[in-house]
């Protein structure tokens, strides 16, 4: 049946990757972005991404596995652009509004901002076991995770704020 539906094990894996990316895309689209409150909306979006990673460890596992394969399955996906492009457009719109409101600095690339947001959530969760062992604390415990998310939100806030010399 595997070959009938997916053609190969690789086809099955690509379908699984497409599925988890599509689920993330759909969830990101549902995040409420209020253009009249760019700062609050950006923080809500950040926290959404971080919580999504926490609540969907299968996403991190599949992405880690695909990275071991140098993204060879994902590159073959005909749906690749539609899986990630919409959220970058929404962030670009949010950044534009923040610049117009005078709360975000100009010149921030939406894709780079997304990478920063993703990195803040992804790294801790993808490396939670080794980080917990090395740091001597459970990085997925509620208090530890919330502390990390607060620090990460502050980092992102400072990165986008006006007057930032970056």
Protein backbone atom coordinates (compact mmCIF):
# COMPACT_ATOMS: atom_id res chain seq x y z
CA UNK A 1 0.00 0.00 0.00
CA UNK A 2 2.91 2.33 0.70
CA UNK A 3 4.04 2.20 -2.92
CA UNK A 4 0.49 2.50 -4.18
CA UNK A 5 -0.16 5.76 -2.29
CA UNK A 6 3.29 7.34 -2.09
CA UNK A 7 5.43 5.61 -4.72
CA UNK A 8 8.27 4.95 -2.26
CA UNK A 9 9.46 5.40 1.31
CA UNK A 10 10.89 8.73 0.22
CA UNK A 11 7.48 9.75 -1.14
CA UNK A 12 5.91 8.86 2.20
CA UNK A 13 8.51 10.89 4.08
CA UNK A 14 8.01 13.88 1.76
CA UNK A 15 4.23 13.63 2.30
CA UNK A 16 4.79 13.58 6.07
CA UNK A 17 7.02 16.67 5.83
CA UNK A 18 4.50 18.48 3.66
CA UNK A 19 1.81 17.60 6.15
CA UNK A 20 3.61 19.01 9.19
CA UNK A 21 4.64 22.16 7.32
CA UNK A 22 1.08 22.63 6.04
CA UNK A 23 -0.27 22.26 9.58
CA UNK A 24 2.18 24.91 10.82
CA UNK A 25 1.30 27.22 7.90
CA UNK A 26 -2.42 26.86 8.58
CA UNK A 27 -1.93 27.51 12.28
CA UNK A 28 0.25 30.57 11.55
CA UNK A 29 -2.43 31.95 9.25
CA UNK A 30 -4.91 31.76 12.11
CA UNK A 31 -2.77 33.92 14.41
CA UNK A 32 -4.52 37.23 14.92
CA UNK A 33 -2.36 40.09 13.71
CA UNK A 34 -3.68 43.49 14.65
CA UNK A 35 -1.92 46.06 12.47
CA UNK A 36 -2.93 48.80 14.88
CA UNK A 37 -0.78 47.08 17.55
CA UNK A 38 2.39 45.94 15.77
CA UNK A 39 4.40 45.37 18.95
CA UNK A 40 1.72 43.28 20.65
CA UNK A 41 1.01 41.37 17.45
CA UNK A 42 4.68 40.56 16.95
CA UNK A 43 4.96 39.20 20.49
CA UNK A 44 1.75 37.16 20.06
CA UNK A 45 3.14 35.74 16.83
CA UNK A 46 6.47 34.86 18.48
CA UNK A 47 4.78 33.12 21.36
CA UNK A 48 2.51 31.29 18.98
CA UNK A 49 5.51 29.89 17.04
CA UNK A 50 7.34 28.88 20.20
CA UNK A 51 4.27 27.24 21.71
CA UNK A 52 3.54 25.46 18.44
CA UNK A 53 7.00 23.91 18.45
CA UNK A 54 6.53 22.86 22.07
CA UNK A 55 3.11 21.32 21.42
CA UNK A 56 4.19 19.60 18.18
CA UNK A 57 7.44 17.74 18.85
CA UNK A 58 6.79 15.67 15.73
CA UNK A 59 7.44 18.81 13.67
CA UNK A 60 10.88 19.25 15.22
CA UNK A 61 11.69 15.54 14.86
CA UNK A 62 10.76 15.45 11.18
CA UNK A 63 12.63 18.68 10.41
CA UNK A 64 15.72 17.42 12.24
CA UNK A 65 15.60 14.20 10.23
CA UNK A 66 15.17 16.13 6.98
CA UNK A 67 18.17 18.27 7.87
CA UNK A 68 20.23 15.10 8.23
CA UNK A 69 19.18 14.35 4.64
CA UNK A 70 20.17 17.89 3.55
CA UNK A 71 16.54 18.75 2.68
CA UNK A 72 16.56 16.44 -0.33
CA UNK A 73 12.92 15.42 0.18
CA UNK A 74 11.62 18.92 0.84
CA UNK A 75 13.40 20.34 -2.21
CA UNK A 76 11.39 17.92 -4.36
CA UNK A 77 8.09 19.12 -2.94
CA UNK A 78 5.92 20.93 -5.47
CA UNK A 79 4.20 22.65 -2.52
CA UNK A 80 7.37 24.06 -0.98
CA UNK A 81 6.74 27.77 -1.65
CA UNK A 82 3.12 27.71 -0.57
CA UNK A 83 4.13 26.07 2.70
CA UNK A 84 6.32 28.93 3.95
CA UNK A 85 5.72 32.07 1.89
CA UNK A 86 2.39 33.25 3.38
CA UNK A 87 3.77 33.85 6.87
CA UNK A 88 6.71 35.87 5.52
CA UNK A 89 4.21 38.13 3.73
CA UNK A 90 2.23 38.63 6.93
CA UNK A 91 5.39 39.51 8.87
CA UNK A 92 6.42 41.95 6.13
CA UNK A 93 3.05 43.67 6.43
CA UNK A 94 3.39 43.82 10.22
CA UNK A 95 6.90 45.28 9.90
CA UNK A 96 5.67 47.93 7.45
CA UNK A 97 2.92 48.94 9.85
CA UNK A 98 5.37 49.08 12.75
CA UNK A 99 7.70 51.33 10.74
CA UNK A 100 4.77 53.58 9.76
CA UNK A 101 3.75 53.78 13.44
CA UNK A 102 7.31 54.67 14.42
CA UNK A 103 7.81 51.67 16.70
CA UNK A 104 9.90 49.43 14.39
CA UNK A 105 13.06 50.44 12.61
CA UNK A 106 13.15 50.35 8.82
CA UNK A 107 15.15 47.82 6.83
CA UNK A 108 14.24 44.60 8.62
CA UNK A 109 13.90 41.66 6.27
CA UNK A 110 10.77 39.64 7.13
CA UNK A 111 12.43 36.32 6.27
CA UNK A 112 15.38 37.12 8.57
CA UNK A 113 12.98 38.09 11.34
CA UNK A 114 11.15 34.80 10.91
CA UNK A 115 14.47 32.95 11.17
CA UNK A 116 15.24 34.75 14.44
CA UNK A 117 11.81 33.95 15.85
CA UNK A 118 12.01 30.31 14.79
CA UNK A 119 15.55 29.93 16.13
CA UNK A 120 14.57 31.19 19.58
CA UNK A 121 11.97 28.45 19.92
CA UNK A 122 13.42 25.68 17.84
CA UNK A 123 16.91 25.47 19.30
CA UNK A 124 15.84 25.00 22.90
CA UNK A 125 13.26 22.37 22.02
CA UNK A 126 15.31 20.46 19.46
CA UNK A 127 18.18 20.30 21.94
CA UNK A 128 16.10 20.08 25.11
CA UNK A 129 17.63 16.83 26.33
CA UNK A 130 21.27 17.84 25.99
CA UNK A 131 20.63 21.39 27.19
CA UNK A 132 18.75 20.09 30.22
CA UNK A 133 21.64 17.76 31.06
CA UNK A 134 24.35 20.38 30.53
CA UNK A 135 22.53 23.23 32.30
CA UNK A 136 21.16 21.03 35.06
CA UNK A 137 17.54 22.09 34.60
CA UNK A 138 14.58 20.82 32.66
CA UNK A 139 14.34 23.21 29.71
CA UNK A 140 10.76 22.15 29.00
CA UNK A 141 9.49 22.71 32.54
CA UNK A 142 6.85 25.42 32.60
CA UNK A 143 8.89 27.98 34.53
CA UNK A 144 12.09 27.42 32.54
CA UNK A 145 10.30 27.55 29.21
CA UNK A 146 8.36 30.68 30.16
CA UNK A 147 11.58 32.38 31.29
CA UNK A 148 13.21 31.51 27.96
CA UNK A 149 10.20 32.81 26.03
CA UNK A 150 10.21 36.08 28.01
CA UNK A 151 13.91 36.62 27.30
CA UNK A 152 13.38 35.68 23.65
CA UNK A 153 10.48 38.11 23.31
CA UNK A 154 12.68 40.85 24.76
CA UNK A 155 15.45 39.98 22.30
CA UNK A 156 13.05 40.19 19.33
CA UNK A 157 11.48 43.39 20.69
CA UNK A 158 14.89 45.06 20.96
CA UNK A 159 15.89 43.84 17.51
CA UNK A 160 12.91 45.50 15.77
CA UNK A 161 12.61 48.65 17.89
CA UNK A 162 13.43 52.08 16.55
CA UNK A 163 16.76 53.50 17.59
CA UNK A 164 18.40 50.08 17.37
CA UNK A 165 21.85 50.57 15.78
CA UNK A 166 21.95 47.07 14.24
